[in-house]
Amino acid sequence: LAAGMTKTGKVGTYGALPIPPVTIFMDGFVDGVAYYNQAKGKNV
């Protein structure tokens, strides 16, 4: 969704601590961006 909505071509995420309940969100988020790029031929 973020990749489809960005106007700058850049989105971001950050966490509190590098522990599994935090990084699991971040892993999914960046993979969703990558999936959008693959599907749309973009480079967010």
PDB file of all heavy atoms in Angstrom:
ATOM      1  N   LEU A   1       0.833  -1.203   0.000  1.00  0.00           N
ATOM      2  CA  LEU A   1       0.000   0.000   0.000  1.00  0.00           C
ATOM      3  C   LEU A   1       0.866   1.250   0.000  1.00  0.00           C
ATOM      4  O   LEU A   1       0.631   2.185  -0.779  1.00  0.00           O
ATOM      5  CB  LEU A   1      -0.903  -0.004   1.241  1.00  0.00           C
ATOM      6  CG  LEU A   1      -1.695   1.272   1.518  1.00  0.00           C
ATOM      7  CD1 LEU A   1      -2.815   1.443   0.505  1.00  0.00           C
ATOM      8  CD2 LEU A   1      -2.257   1.259   2.945  1.00  0.00           C
ATOM      9  N   ALA A   2       1.863   1.287   0.898  1.00  0.00           N
ATOM     10  CA  ALA A   2       2.739   2.457   0.989  1.00  0.00           C
ATOM     11  C   ALA A   2       3.453   2.712  -0.332  1.00  0.00           C
ATOM     12  O   ALA A   2       3.550   3.857  -0.789  1.00  0.00           O
ATOM     13  CB  ALA A   2       3.758   2.261   2.116  1.00  0.00           C
ATOM     14  N   ALA A   3       3.934   1.639  -0.952  1.00  0.00           N
ATOM     15  CA  ALA A   3       4.627   1.781  -2.240  1.00  0.00           C
ATOM     16  C   ALA A   3       3.691   2.338  -3.308  1.00  0.00           C
ATOM     17  O   ALA A   3       4.114   3.099  -4.185  1.00  0.00           O
ATOM     18  CB  ALA A   3       5.205   0.437  -2.672  1.00  0.00           C
ATOM     19  N   GLY A   4       2.418   1.953  -3.228  1.00  0.00           N
ATOM     20  CA  GLY A   4       1.442   2.449  -4.194  1.00  0.00           C
ATOM     21  C   GLY A   4       0.991   3.868  -3.932  1.00  0.00           C
ATOM     22  O   GLY A   4       0.455   4.541  -4.824  1.00  0.00           O
ATOM     23  N   MET A   5       1.192   4.357  -2.700  1.00  0.00           N
ATOM     24  CA  MET A   5       0.714   5.687  -2.321  1.00  0.00           C
ATOM     25  C   MET A   5       1.808   6.757  -2.269  1.00  0.00           C
ATOM     26  O   MET A   5       1.507   7.952  -2.293  1.00  0.00           O
ATOM     27  CB  MET A   5       0.042   5.610  -0.943  1.00  0.00           C
ATOM     28  CG  MET A   5      -1.288   4.885  -0.933  1.00  0.00           C
ATOM     29  SD  MET A   5      -2.566   5.747  -1.891  1.00  0.00           S
ATOM     30  CE  MET A   5      -2.851   7.182  -0.833  1.00  0.00           C
ATOM     31  N   THR A   6       3.077   6.352  -2.183  1.00  0.00           N
ATOM     32  CA  THR A   6       4.135   7.348  -2.042  1.00  0.00           C
ATOM     33  C   THR A   6       4.211   8.271  -3.252  1.00  0.00           C
ATOM     34  O   THR A   6       4.030   7.828  -4.395  1.00  0.00           O
ATOM     35  CB  THR A   6       5.510   6.681  -1.812  1.00  0.00           C
ATOM     36  OG1 THR A   6       6.512   7.693  -1.713  1.00  0.00           O
ATOM     37  CG2 THR A   6       5.887   5.741  -2.958  1.00  0.00           C
ATOM     38  N   LYS A   7       4.502   9.539  -2.977  1.00  0.00           N
ATOM     39  CA  LYS A   7       4.702  10.511  -4.059  1.00  0.00           C
ATOM     40  C   LYS A   7       6.183  10.787  -4.281  1.00  0.00           C
ATOM     41  O   LYS A   7       6.582  11.257  -5.331  1.00  0.00           O
ATOM     42  CB  LYS A   7       3.961  11.815  -3.732  1.00  0.00           C
ATOM     43  CG  LYS A   7       2.441  11.666  -3.738  1.00  0.00           C
ATOM     44  CD  LYS A   7       1.756  12.990  -3.398  1.00  0.00           C
ATOM     45  CE  LYS A   7       0.235  12.894  -3.558  1.00  0.00           C
ATOM     46  NZ  LYS A   7      -0.360  11.861  -2.698  1.00  0.00           N
ATOM     47  N   THR A   8       6.996  10.480  -3.279  1.00  0.00           N
ATOM     48  CA  THR A   8       8.432  10.730  -3.383  1.00  0.00           C
ATOM     49  C   THR A   8       9.205   9.514  -3.877  1.00  0.00           C
ATOM     50  O   THR A   8      10.385   9.616  -4.224  1.00  0.00           O
ATOM     51  CB  THR A   8       9.013  11.117  -2.006  1.00  0.00           C
ATOM     52  OG1 THR A   8       8.834  10.017  -1.095  1.00  0.00           O
ATOM     53  CG2 THR A   8       8.304  12.355  -1.451  1.00  0.00           C
ATOM     54  N   GLY A   9       8.554   8.349  -3.867  1.00  0.00           N
ATOM     55  CA  GLY A   9       9.243   7.119  -4.243  1.00  0.00           C
ATOM     56  C   GLY A   9      10.079   6.552  -3.116  1.00  0.00           C
ATOM     57  O   GLY A   9      10.873   5.627  -3.303  1.00  0.00           O
ATOM     58  N   LYS A  10       9.860   7.085  -1.900  1.00  0.00           N
ATOM     59  CA  LYS A  10      10.582   6.580  -0.730  1.00  0.00           C
ATOM     60  C   LYS A  10       9.620   6.453   0.458  1.00  0.00           C
ATOM     61  O   LYS A  10       8.843   7.374   0.725  1.00  0.00           O
ATOM     62  CB  LYS A  10      11.729   7.513  -0.344  1.00  0.00           C
ATOM     63  CG  LYS A  10      12.843   7.576  -1.377  1.00  0.00           C
ATOM     64  CD  LYS A  10      13.945   8.518  -0.919  1.00  0.00           C
ATOM     65  CE  LYS A  10      15.064   8.589  -1.960  1.00  0.00           C
ATOM     66  NZ  LYS A  10      16.158   9.510  -1.533  1.00  0.00           N
ATOM     67  N   VAL A  11       9.680   5.312   1.124  1.00  0.00           N
ATOM     68  CA  VAL A  11       8.890   5.084   2.339  1.00  0.00           C
ATOM     69  C   VAL A  11       9.857   4.594   3.409  1.00  0.00           C
ATOM     70  O   VAL A  11      10.997   4.247   3.107  1.00  0.00           O
ATOM     71  CB  VAL A  11       7.763   4.062   2.101  1.00  0.00           C
ATOM     72  CG1 VAL A  11       6.802   4.560   1.032  1.00  0.00           C
ATOM     73  CG2 VAL A  11       8.328   2.692   1.692  1.00  0.00           C
ATOM     74  N   GLY A  12       9.416   4.582   4.662  1.00  0.00           N
ATOM     75  CA  GLY A  12      10.346   4.185   5.713  1.00  0.00           C
ATOM     76  C   GLY A  12       9.688   3.452   6.853  1.00  0.00           C
ATOM     77  O   GLY A  12       8.471   3.482   7.026  1.00  0.00           O
ATOM     78  N   THR A  13      10.506   2.789   7.634  1.00  0.00           N
ATOM     79  CA  THR A  13      10.042   2.132   8.855  1.00  0.00           C
ATOM     80  C   THR A  13      11.159   2.195   9.878  1.00  0.00           C
ATOM     81  O   THR A  13      12.341   2.328   9.534  1.00  0.00           O
ATOM     82  CB  THR A  13       9.627   0.668   8.606  1.00  0.00           C
ATOM     83  OG1 THR A  13       9.089   0.110   9.807  1.00  0.00           O
ATOM     84  CG2 THR A  13      10.796  -0.184   8.133  1.00  0.00           C
ATOM     85  N   TYR A  14      10.785   2.154  11.148  1.00  0.00           N
ATOM     86  CA  TYR A  14      11.780   2.059  12.213  1.00  0.00           C
ATOM     87  C   TYR A  14      11.161   1.306  13.380  1.00  0.00           C
ATOM     88  O   TYR A  14       9.933   1.150  13.456  1.00  0.00           O
ATOM     89  CB  TYR A  14      12.283   3.446  12.647  1.00  0.00           C
ATOM     90  CG  TYR A  14      11.289   4.293  13.421  1.00  0.00           C
ATOM     91  CD1 TYR A  14      11.185   4.206  14.811  1.00  0.00           C
ATOM     92  CD2 TYR A  14      10.465   5.208  12.761  1.00  0.00           C
ATOM     93  CE1 TYR A  14      10.287   4.991  15.521  1.00  0.00           C
ATOM     94  CE2 TYR A  14       9.566   6.005  13.464  1.00  0.00           C
ATOM     95  CZ  TYR A  14       9.480   5.890  14.851  1.00  0.00           C
ATOM     96  OH  TYR A  14       8.588   6.658  15.547  1.00  0.00           O
ATOM     97  N   GLY A  15      12.023   0.834  14.276  1.00  0.00           N
ATOM     98  CA  GLY A  15      11.535   0.062  15.411  1.00  0.00           C
ATOM     99  C   GLY A  15      11.978   0.638  16.736  1.00  0.00           C
ATOM    100  O   GLY A  15      12.751   1.603  16.780  1.00  0.00           O
ATOM    101  N   ALA A  16      11.496   0.041  17.815  1.00  0.00           N
ATOM    102  CA  ALA A  16      11.949   0.417  19.153  1.00  0.00           C
ATOM    103  C   ALA A  16      13.244  -0.322  19.468  1.00  0.00           C
ATOM    104  O   ALA A  16      14.263   0.284  19.783  1.00  0.00           O
ATOM    105  CB  ALA A  16      10.885   0.108  20.192  1.00  0.00           C
ATOM    106  N   LEU A  17      13.185  -1.652  19.363  1.00  0.00           N
ATOM    107  CA  LEU A  17      14.347  -2.492  19.630  1.00  0.00           C
ATOM    108  C   LEU A  17      14.406  -3.603  18.591  1.00  0.00           C
ATOM    109  O   LEU A  17      13.366  -4.035  18.081  1.00  0.00           O
ATOM    110  CB  LEU A  17      14.243  -3.126  21.028  1.00  0.00           C
ATOM    111  CG  LEU A  17      14.345  -2.199  22.238  1.00  0.00           C
ATOM    112  CD1 LEU A  17      13.894  -2.935  23.499  1.00  0.00           C
ATOM    113  CD2 LEU A  17      15.771  -1.685  22.408  1.00  0.00           C
ATOM    114  N   PRO A  18      15.605  -4.101  18.267  1.00  0.00           N
ATOM    115  CA  PRO A  18      15.717  -5.188  17.286  1.00  0.00           C
ATOM    116  C   PRO A  18      15.366  -6.535  17.904  1.00  0.00           C
ATOM    117  O   PRO A  18      16.222  -7.399  18.090  1.00  0.00           O
ATOM    118  CB  PRO A  18      17.182  -5.117  16.849  1.00  0.00           C
ATOM    119  CG  PRO A  18      17.897  -4.528  18.024  1.00  0.00           C
ATOM    120  CD  PRO A  18      16.926  -3.584  18.679  1.00  0.00           C
ATOM    121  N   ILE A  19      14.093  -6.716  18.244  1.00  0.00           N
ATOM    122  CA  ILE A  19      13.599  -7.975  18.809  1.00  0.00           C
ATOM    123  C   ILE A  19      12.520  -8.521  17.873  1.00  0.00           C
ATOM    124  O   ILE A  19      11.897  -7.758  17.122  1.00  0.00           O
ATOM    125  CB  ILE A  19      13.048  -7.781  20.233  1.00  0.00           C
ATOM    126  CG1 ILE A  19      11.932  -6.725  20.263  1.00  0.00           C
ATOM    127  CG2 ILE A  19      14.182  -7.396  21.186  1.00  0.00           C
ATOM    128  CD1 ILE A  19      11.274  -6.541  21.616  1.00  0.00           C
ATOM    129  N   PRO A  20      12.278  -9.835  17.889  1.00  0.00           N
ATOM    130  CA  PRO A  20      11.369 -10.442  16.915  1.00  0.00           C
ATOM    131  C   PRO A  20       9.988  -9.795  16.791  1.00  0.00           C
ATOM    132  O   PRO A  20       9.510  -9.600  15.658  1.00  0.00           O
ATOM    133  CB  PRO A  20      11.272 -11.896  17.389  1.00  0.00           C
ATOM    134  CG  PRO A  20      12.605 -12.156  18.004  1.00  0.00           C
ATOM    135  CD  PRO A  20      12.973 -10.877  18.692  1.00  0.00           C
ATOM    136  N   PRO A  21       9.299  -9.428  17.893  1.00  0.00           N
ATOM    137  CA  PRO A  21       7.968  -8.834  17.712  1.00  0.00           C
ATOM    138  C   PRO A  21       7.988  -7.479  16.985  1.00  0.00           C
ATOM    139  O   PRO A  21       6.950  -7.006  16.546  1.00  0.00           O
ATOM    140  CB  PRO A  21       7.458  -8.651  19.157  1.00  0.00           C
ATOM    141  CG  PRO A  21       8.260  -9.584  19.976  1.00  0.00           C
ATOM    142  CD  PRO A  21       9.611  -9.630  19.326  1.00  0.00           C
ATOM    143  N   VAL A  22       9.185  -6.889  16.884  1.00  0.00           N
ATOM    144  CA  VAL A  22       9.346  -5.621  16.166  1.00  0.00           C
ATOM    145  C   VAL A  22       9.804  -5.866  14.733  1.00  0.00           C
ATOM    146  O   VAL A  22       9.196  -5.387  13.767  1.00  0.00           O
ATOM    147  CB  VAL A  22      10.356  -4.704  16.901  1.00  0.00           C
ATOM    148  CG1 VAL A  22      10.716  -3.489  16.046  1.00  0.00           C
ATOM    149  CG2 VAL A  22       9.789  -4.260  18.250  1.00  0.00           C
ATOM    150  N   THR A  23      10.880  -6.623  14.577  1.00  0.00           N
ATOM    151  CA  THR A  23      11.463  -6.793  13.242  1.00  0.00           C
ATOM    152  C   THR A  23      10.557  -7.574  12.299  1.00  0.00           C
ATOM    153  O   THR A  23      10.661  -7.429  11.076  1.00  0.00           O
ATOM    154  CB  THR A  23      12.835  -7.483  13.331  1.00  0.00           C
ATOM    155  OG1 THR A  23      12.683  -8.760  13.965  1.00  0.00           O
ATOM    156  CG2 THR A  23      13.808  -6.636  14.121  1.00  0.00           C
ATOM    157  N   ILE A  24       9.633  -8.371  12.846  1.00  0.00           N
ATOM    158  CA  ILE A  24       8.710  -9.111  11.981  1.00  0.00           C
ATOM    159  C   ILE A  24       7.842  -8.155  11.166  1.00  0.00           C
ATOM    160  O   ILE A  24       7.567  -8.391   9.982  1.00  0.00           O
ATOM    161  CB  ILE A  24       7.843 -10.084  12.808  1.00  0.00           C
ATOM    162  CG1 ILE A  24       6.991 -10.960  11.889  1.00  0.00           C
ATOM    163  CG2 ILE A  24       6.966  -9.362  13.828  1.00  0.00           C
ATOM    164  CD1 ILE A  24       6.264 -12.080  12.612  1.00  0.00           C
ATOM    165  N   PHE A  25       7.420  -7.035  11.768  1.00  0.00           N
ATOM    166  CA  PHE A  25       6.669  -6.019  11.039  1.00  0.00           C
ATOM    167  C   PHE A  25       7.532  -5.420   9.921  1.00  0.00           C
ATOM    168  O   PHE A  25       7.077  -5.222   8.795  1.00  0.00           O
ATOM    169  CB  PHE A  25       6.283  -4.859  11.969  1.00  0.00           C
ATOM    170  CG  PHE A  25       5.109  -5.084  12.871  1.00  0.00           C
ATOM    171  CD1 PHE A  25       5.282  -5.539  14.160  1.00  0.00           C
ATOM    172  CD2 PHE A  25       3.821  -4.784  12.451  1.00  0.00           C
ATOM    173  CE1 PHE A  25       4.207  -5.706  15.022  1.00  0.00           C
ATOM    174  CE2 PHE A  25       2.737  -4.944  13.296  1.00  0.00           C
ATOM    175  CZ  PHE A  25       2.927  -5.402  14.583  1.00  0.00           C
ATOM    176  N   MET A  26       8.782  -5.116  10.274  1.00  0.00           N
ATOM    177  CA  MET A  26       9.679  -4.429   9.345  1.00  0.00           C
ATOM    178  C   MET A  26      10.023  -5.314   8.160  1.00  0.00           C
ATOM    179  O   MET A  26      10.084  -4.858   7.011  1.00  0.00           O
ATOM    180  CB  MET A  26      10.918  -3.963  10.102  1.00  0.00           C
ATOM    181  CG  MET A  26      10.564  -3.004  11.242  1.00  0.00           C
ATOM    182  SD  MET A  26      11.887  -2.726  12.448  1.00  0.00           S
ATOM    183  CE  MET A  26      12.876  -1.499  11.595  1.00  0.00           C
ATOM    184  N   ASP A  27      10.224  -6.626   8.428  1.00  0.00           N
ATOM    185  CA  ASP A  27      10.482  -7.582   7.345  1.00  0.00           C
ATOM    186  C   ASP A  27       9.314  -7.614   6.358  1.00  0.00           C
ATOM    187  O   ASP A  27       9.500  -7.539   5.135  1.00  0.00           O
ATOM    188  CB  ASP A  27      10.679  -8.992   7.913  1.00  0.00           C
ATOM    189  CG  ASP A  27      12.041  -9.204   8.537  1.00  0.00           C
ATOM    190  OD1 ASP A  27      12.949  -8.377   8.324  1.00  0.00           O
ATOM    191  OD2 ASP A  27      12.211 -10.216   9.257  1.00  0.00           O
ATOM    192  N   GLY A  28       8.103  -7.729   6.893  1.00  0.00           N
ATOM    193  CA  GLY A  28       6.928  -7.791   6.034  1.00  0.00           C
ATOM    194  C   GLY A  28       6.738  -6.525   5.226  1.00  0.00           C
ATOM    195  O   GLY A  28       6.406  -6.567   4.037  1.00  0.00           O
ATOM    196  N   PHE A  29       6.973  -5.388   5.869  1.00  0.00           N
ATOM    197  CA  PHE A  29       6.794  -4.088   5.215  1.00  0.00           C
ATOM    198  C   PHE A  29       7.724  -3.932   4.005  1.00  0.00           C
ATOM    199  O   PHE A  29       7.270  -3.601   2.900  1.00  0.00           O
ATOM    200  CB  PHE A  29       7.047  -2.975   6.227  1.00  0.00           C
ATOM    201  CG  PHE A  29       6.815  -1.584   5.704  1.00  0.00           C
ATOM    202  CD1 PHE A  29       5.531  -1.053   5.619  1.00  0.00           C
ATOM    203  CD2 PHE A  29       7.888  -0.783   5.302  1.00  0.00           C
ATOM    204  CE1 PHE A  29       5.312   0.237   5.150  1.00  0.00           C
ATOM    205  CE2 PHE A  29       7.682   0.505   4.836  1.00  0.00           C
ATOM    206  CZ  PHE A  29       6.397   1.019   4.753  1.00  0.00           C
ATOM    207  N   VAL A  30       9.021  -4.182   4.206  1.00  0.00           N
ATOM    208  CA  VAL A  30       9.964  -3.995   3.096  1.00  0.00           C
ATOM    209  C   VAL A  30       9.723  -5.027   1.993  1.00  0.00           C
ATOM    210  O   VAL A  30       9.911  -4.728   0.805  1.00  0.00           O
ATOM    211  CB  VAL A  30      11.438  -4.022   3.575  1.00  0.00           C
ATOM    212  CG1 VAL A  30      11.698  -2.897   4.569  1.00  0.00           C
ATOM    213  CG2 VAL A  30      11.830  -5.353   4.164  1.00  0.00           C
ATOM    214  N   ASP A  31       9.276  -6.222   2.357  1.00  0.00           N
ATOM    215  CA  ASP A  31       8.968  -7.226   1.335  1.00  0.00           C
ATOM    216  C   ASP A  31       7.729  -6.830   0.533  1.00  0.00           C
ATOM    217  O   ASP A  31       7.638  -7.120  -0.665  1.00  0.00           O
ATOM    218  CB  ASP A  31       8.765  -8.598   1.971  1.00  0.00           C
ATOM    219  CG  ASP A  31      10.079  -9.326   2.219  1.00  0.00           C
ATOM    220  OD1 ASP A  31      11.137  -8.822   1.781  1.00  0.00           O
ATOM    221  OD2 ASP A  31      10.051 -10.399   2.849  1.00  0.00           O
ATOM    222  N   GLY A  32       6.764  -6.180   1.193  1.00  0.00           N
ATOM    223  CA  GLY A  32       5.583  -5.686   0.478  1.00  0.00           C
ATOM    224  C   GLY A  32       5.947  -4.613  -0.528  1.00  0.00           C
ATOM    225  O   GLY A  32       5.404  -4.571  -1.637  1.00  0.00           O
ATOM    226  N   VAL A  33       6.891  -3.753  -0.137  1.00  0.00           N
ATOM    227  CA  VAL A  33       7.397  -2.727  -1.074  1.00  0.00           C
ATOM    228  C   VAL A  33       8.075  -3.397  -2.265  1.00  0.00           C
ATOM    229  O   VAL A  33       7.845  -3.033  -3.429  1.00  0.00           O
ATOM    230  CB  VAL A  33       8.380  -1.771  -0.355  1.00  0.00           C
ATOM    231  CG1 VAL A  33       9.034  -0.819  -1.365  1.00  0.00           C
ATOM    232  CG2 VAL A  33       7.663  -0.977   0.733  1.00  0.00           C
ATOM    233  N   ALA A  34       8.906  -4.401  -1.972  1.00  0.00           N
ATOM    234  CA  ALA A  34       9.622  -5.116  -3.036  1.00  0.00           C
ATOM    235  C   ALA A  34       8.641  -5.819  -3.979  1.00  0.00           C
ATOM    236  O   ALA A  34       8.846  -5.844  -5.203  1.00  0.00           O
ATOM    237  CB  ALA A  34      10.588  -6.128  -2.424  1.00  0.00           C
ATOM    238  N   TYR A  35       7.573  -6.363  -3.419  1.00  0.00           N
ATOM    239  CA  TYR A  35       6.566  -7.050  -4.231  1.00  0.00           C
ATOM    240  C   TYR A  35       5.868  -6.059  -5.159  1.00  0.00           C
ATOM    241  O   TYR A  35       5.593  -6.372  -6.330  1.00  0.00           O
ATOM    242  CB  TYR A  35       5.546  -7.738  -3.315  1.00  0.00           C
ATOM    243  CG  TYR A  35       4.560  -8.631  -4.041  1.00  0.00           C
ATOM    244  CD1 TYR A  35       4.938  -9.898  -4.491  1.00  0.00           C
ATOM    245  CD2 TYR A  35       3.250  -8.218  -4.274  1.00  0.00           C
ATOM    246  CE1 TYR A  35       4.045 -10.732  -5.149  1.00  0.00           C
ATOM    247  CE2 TYR A  35       2.342  -9.031  -4.937  1.00  0.00           C
ATOM    248  CZ  TYR A  35       2.736 -10.277  -5.365  1.00  0.00           C
ATOM    249  OH  TYR A  35       1.844 -11.091  -6.027  1.00  0.00           O
ATOM    250  N   TYR A  36       5.595  -4.863  -4.649  1.00  0.00           N
ATOM    251  CA  TYR A  36       4.993  -3.816  -5.485  1.00  0.00           C
ATOM    252  C   TYR A  36       5.937  -3.457  -6.637  1.00  0.00           C
ATOM    253  O   TYR A  36       5.511  -3.345  -7.800  1.00  0.00           O
ATOM    254  CB  TYR A  36       4.704  -2.570  -4.639  1.00  0.00           C
ATOM    255  CG  TYR A  36       4.121  -1.419  -5.425  1.00  0.00           C
ATOM    256  CD1 TYR A  36       2.744  -1.298  -5.601  1.00  0.00           C
ATOM    257  CD2 TYR A  36       4.950  -0.457  -6.017  1.00  0.00           C
ATOM    258  CE1 TYR A  36       2.208  -0.253  -6.339  1.00  0.00           C
ATOM    259  CE2 TYR A  36       4.425   0.594  -6.758  1.00  0.00           C
ATOM    260  CZ  TYR A  36       3.051   0.683  -6.916  1.00  0.00           C
ATOM    261  OH  TYR A  36       2.523   1.721  -7.659  1.00  0.00           O
ATOM    262  N   ASN A  37       7.202  -3.279  -6.311  1.00  0.00           N
ATOM    263  CA  ASN A  37       8.181  -2.927  -7.349  1.00  0.00           C
ATOM    264  C   ASN A  37       8.245  -4.000  -8.434  1.00  0.00           C
ATOM    265  O   ASN A  37       8.293  -3.696  -9.637  1.00  0.00           O
ATOM    266  CB  ASN A  37       9.571  -2.750  -6.723  1.00  0.00           C
ATOM    267  CG  ASN A  37       9.679  -1.476  -5.898  1.00  0.00           C
ATOM    268  OD1 ASN A  37       8.925  -0.526  -6.107  1.00  0.00           O
ATOM    269  ND2 ASN A  37      10.612  -1.458  -4.956  1.00  0.00           N
ATOM    270  N   GLN A  38       8.221  -5.248  -8.011  1.00  0.00           N
ATOM    271  CA  GLN A  38       8.276  -6.370  -8.950  1.00  0.00           C
ATOM    272  C   GLN A  38       7.017  -6.396  -9.827  1.00  0.00           C
ATOM    273  O   GLN A  38       7.098  -6.587 -11.043  1.00  0.00           O
ATOM    274  CB  GLN A  38       8.394  -7.671  -8.162  1.00  0.00           C
ATOM    275  CG  GLN A  38       8.429  -8.927  -9.019  1.00  0.00           C
ATOM    276  CD  GLN A  38       8.397 -10.195  -8.166  1.00  0.00           C
ATOM    277  OE1 GLN A  38       8.711 -10.169  -6.980  1.00  0.00           O
ATOM    278  NE2 GLN A  38       7.993 -11.298  -8.765  1.00  0.00           N
ATOM    279  N   ALA A  39       5.865  -6.182  -9.201  1.00  0.00           N
ATOM    280  CA  ALA A  39       4.604  -6.245  -9.942  1.00  0.00           C
ATOM    281  C   ALA A  39       4.413  -5.078 -10.891  1.00  0.00           C
ATOM    282  O   ALA A  39       3.813  -5.223 -11.969  1.00  0.00           O
ATOM    283  CB  ALA A  39       3.433  -6.302  -8.959  1.00  0.00           C
ATOM    284  N   LYS A  40       4.937  -3.911 -10.504  1.00  0.00           N
ATOM    285  CA  LYS A  40       4.673  -2.690 -11.266  1.00  0.00           C
ATOM    286  C   LYS A  40       5.870  -2.173 -12.066  1.00  0.00           C
ATOM    287  O   LYS A  40       5.748  -1.185 -12.782  1.00  0.00           O
ATOM    288  CB  LYS A  40       4.218  -1.578 -10.300  1.00  0.00           C
ATOM    289  CG  LYS A  40       2.987  -1.921  -9.473  1.00  0.00           C
ATOM    290  CD  LYS A  40       1.736  -1.974 -10.326  1.00  0.00           C
ATOM    291  CE  LYS A  40       0.495  -2.183  -9.484  1.00  0.00           C
ATOM    292  NZ  LYS A  40      -0.744  -2.242 -10.296  1.00  0.00           N
ATOM    293  N   GLY A  41       7.011  -2.824 -11.914  1.00  0.00           N
ATOM    294  CA  GLY A  41       8.202  -2.344 -12.590  1.00  0.00           C
ATOM    295  C   GLY A  41       8.661  -1.000 -12.045  1.00  0.00           C
ATOM    296  O   GLY A  41       9.202  -0.165 -12.769  1.00  0.00           O
ATOM    297  N   LYS A  42       8.476  -0.789 -10.760  1.00  0.00           N
ATOM    298  CA  LYS A  42       8.860   0.470 -10.105  1.00  0.00           C
ATOM    299  C   LYS A  42      10.114   0.255  -9.259  1.00  0.00           C
ATOM    300  O   LYS A  42      10.627  -0.856  -9.125  1.00  0.00           O
ATOM    301  CB  LYS A  42       7.726   0.978  -9.199  1.00  0.00           C
ATOM    302  CG  LYS A  42       6.413   1.213  -9.934  1.00  0.00           C
ATOM    303  CD  LYS A  42       6.471   2.442 -10.826  1.00  0.00           C
ATOM    304  CE  LYS A  42       5.104   2.762 -11.421  1.00  0.00           C
ATOM    305  NZ  LYS A  42       5.136   3.926 -12.321  1.00  0.00           N
ATOM    306  N   ASN A  43      10.577   1.362  -8.647  1.00  0.00           N
ATOM    307  CA  ASN A  43      11.760   1.267  -7.794  1.00  0.00           C
ATOM    308  C   ASN A  43      11.569   2.091  -6.523  1.00  0.00           C
ATOM    309  O   ASN A  43      12.386   2.939  -6.178  1.00  0.00           O
ATOM    310  CB  ASN A  43      13.005   1.745  -8.556  1.00  0.00           C
ATOM    311  CG  ASN A  43      14.289   1.444  -7.791  1.00  0.00           C
ATOM    312  OD1 ASN A  43      14.369   0.477  -7.045  1.00  0.00           O
ATOM    313  ND2 ASN A  43      15.286   2.305  -7.957  1.00  0.00           N
ATOM    314  N   VAL A  44      10.463   1.827  -5.815  1.00  0.00           N
ATOM    315  CA  VAL A  44      10.216   2.511  -4.544  1.00  0.00           C
ATOM    316  C   VAL A  44      11.243   2.018  -3.521  1.00  0.00           C
ATOM    317  O   VAL A  44      11.466   0.811  -3.396  1.00  0.00           O
ATOM    318  CB  VAL A  44       8.778   2.237  -4.036  1.00  0.00           C
ATOM    319  CG1 VAL A  44       8.570   2.869  -2.661  1.00  0.00           C
ATOM    320  CG2 VAL A  44       7.757   2.767  -5.030  1.00  0.00           C
TER     321      VAL A  44
END
